[in-house]
Amino acid sequence: MKNCKLCRYSRLCNDLPGVCILIPYVAVAVVAVAMAYLFITQELL
């Protein structure tokens, strides 16, 4: 497998080539879910 140059986790990317593509989406999803959770809990309280 070719090295993943866009991603710092080259060992992980060599094992799982799709990780470099998924990391930004996972990060955005985590932030969105966290913000939604905080917003909902603040509104309910």
C-alpha atoms as a PDB file:
ATOM      1  CA  MET A   1       0.000   0.000   0.000  1.00  0.00           C
ATOM      2  CA  LYS A   2       1.243   3.471  -0.772  1.00  0.00           C
ATOM      3  CA  ASN A   3       1.961   5.837   2.075  1.00  0.00           C
ATOM      4  CA  CYS A   4      -0.738   8.243   3.068  1.00  0.00           C
ATOM      5  CA  LYS A   5       0.801  11.687   2.640  1.00  0.00           C
ATOM      6  CA  LEU A   6      -2.184  13.780   3.718  1.00  0.00           C
ATOM      7  CA  CYS A   7      -2.412  12.022   7.037  1.00  0.00           C
ATOM      8  CA  ARG A   8       0.091  11.944   9.880  1.00  0.00           C
ATOM      9  CA  TYR A   9      -0.931   8.456  10.920  1.00  0.00           C
ATOM     10  CA  SER A  10       0.951   6.762   8.101  1.00  0.00           C
ATOM     11  CA  ARG A  11       1.147   3.376   9.859  1.00  0.00           C
ATOM     12  CA  LEU A  12      -2.589   3.316  10.450  1.00  0.00           C
ATOM     13  CA  CYS A  13      -3.212   4.495   6.895  1.00  0.00           C
ATOM     14  CA  ASN A  14      -0.985   1.770   5.501  1.00  0.00           C
ATOM     15  CA  ASP A  15      -3.149  -0.791   7.307  1.00  0.00           C
ATOM     16  CA  LEU A  16      -6.441   0.946   6.519  1.00  0.00           C
ATOM     17  CA  PRO A  17      -6.188   3.076   3.370  1.00  0.00           C
ATOM     18  CA  GLY A  18      -9.626   4.627   3.869  1.00  0.00           C
ATOM     19  CA  VAL A  19      -8.738   6.125   7.254  1.00  0.00           C
ATOM     20  CA  CYS A  20      -7.212   9.279   5.757  1.00  0.00           C
ATOM     21  CA  ILE A  21     -10.406   9.930   3.858  1.00  0.00           C
ATOM     22  CA  LEU A  22     -12.629   9.212   6.854  1.00  0.00           C
ATOM     23  CA  ILE A  23     -10.718  11.127   9.565  1.00  0.00           C
ATOM     24  CA  PRO A  24     -11.949  14.625   8.547  1.00  0.00           C
ATOM     25  CA  TYR A  25     -15.553  13.417   8.262  1.00  0.00           C
ATOM     26  CA  VAL A  26     -15.366  11.641  11.611  1.00  0.00           C
ATOM     27  CA  ALA A  27     -13.928  14.780  13.234  1.00  0.00           C
ATOM     28  CA  VAL A  28     -16.692  16.960  11.768  1.00  0.00           C
ATOM     29  CA  ALA A  29     -19.345  14.449  12.851  1.00  0.00           C
ATOM     30  CA  VAL A  30     -17.971  14.328  16.405  1.00  0.00           C
ATOM     31  CA  VAL A  31     -17.947  18.126  16.663  1.00  0.00           C
ATOM     32  CA  ALA A  32     -21.458  18.385  15.207  1.00  0.00           C
ATOM     33  CA  VAL A  33     -22.847  15.766  17.580  1.00  0.00           C
ATOM     34  CA  ALA A  34     -21.127  17.414  20.558  1.00  0.00           C
ATOM     35  CA  MET A  35     -22.491  20.841  19.626  1.00  0.00           C
ATOM     36  CA  ALA A  36     -25.998  19.429  19.074  1.00  0.00           C
ATOM     37  CA  TYR A  37     -25.851  17.593  22.402  1.00  0.00           C
ATOM     38  CA  LEU A  38     -24.738  20.719  24.251  1.00  0.00           C
ATOM     39  CA  PHE A  39     -27.386  22.833  22.534  1.00  0.00           C
ATOM     40  CA  ILE A  40     -30.180  20.350  23.320  1.00  0.00           C
ATOM     41  CA  THR A  41     -29.149  19.924  26.951  1.00  0.00           C
ATOM     42  CA  GLN A  42     -28.877  23.683  27.441  1.00  0.00           C
ATOM     43  CA  GLU A  43     -32.303  24.253  25.883  1.00  0.00           C
ATOM     44  CA  LEU A  44     -33.924  21.558  28.000  1.00  0.00           C
ATOM     45  CA  LEU A  45     -32.392  22.915  31.183  1.00  0.00           C
END
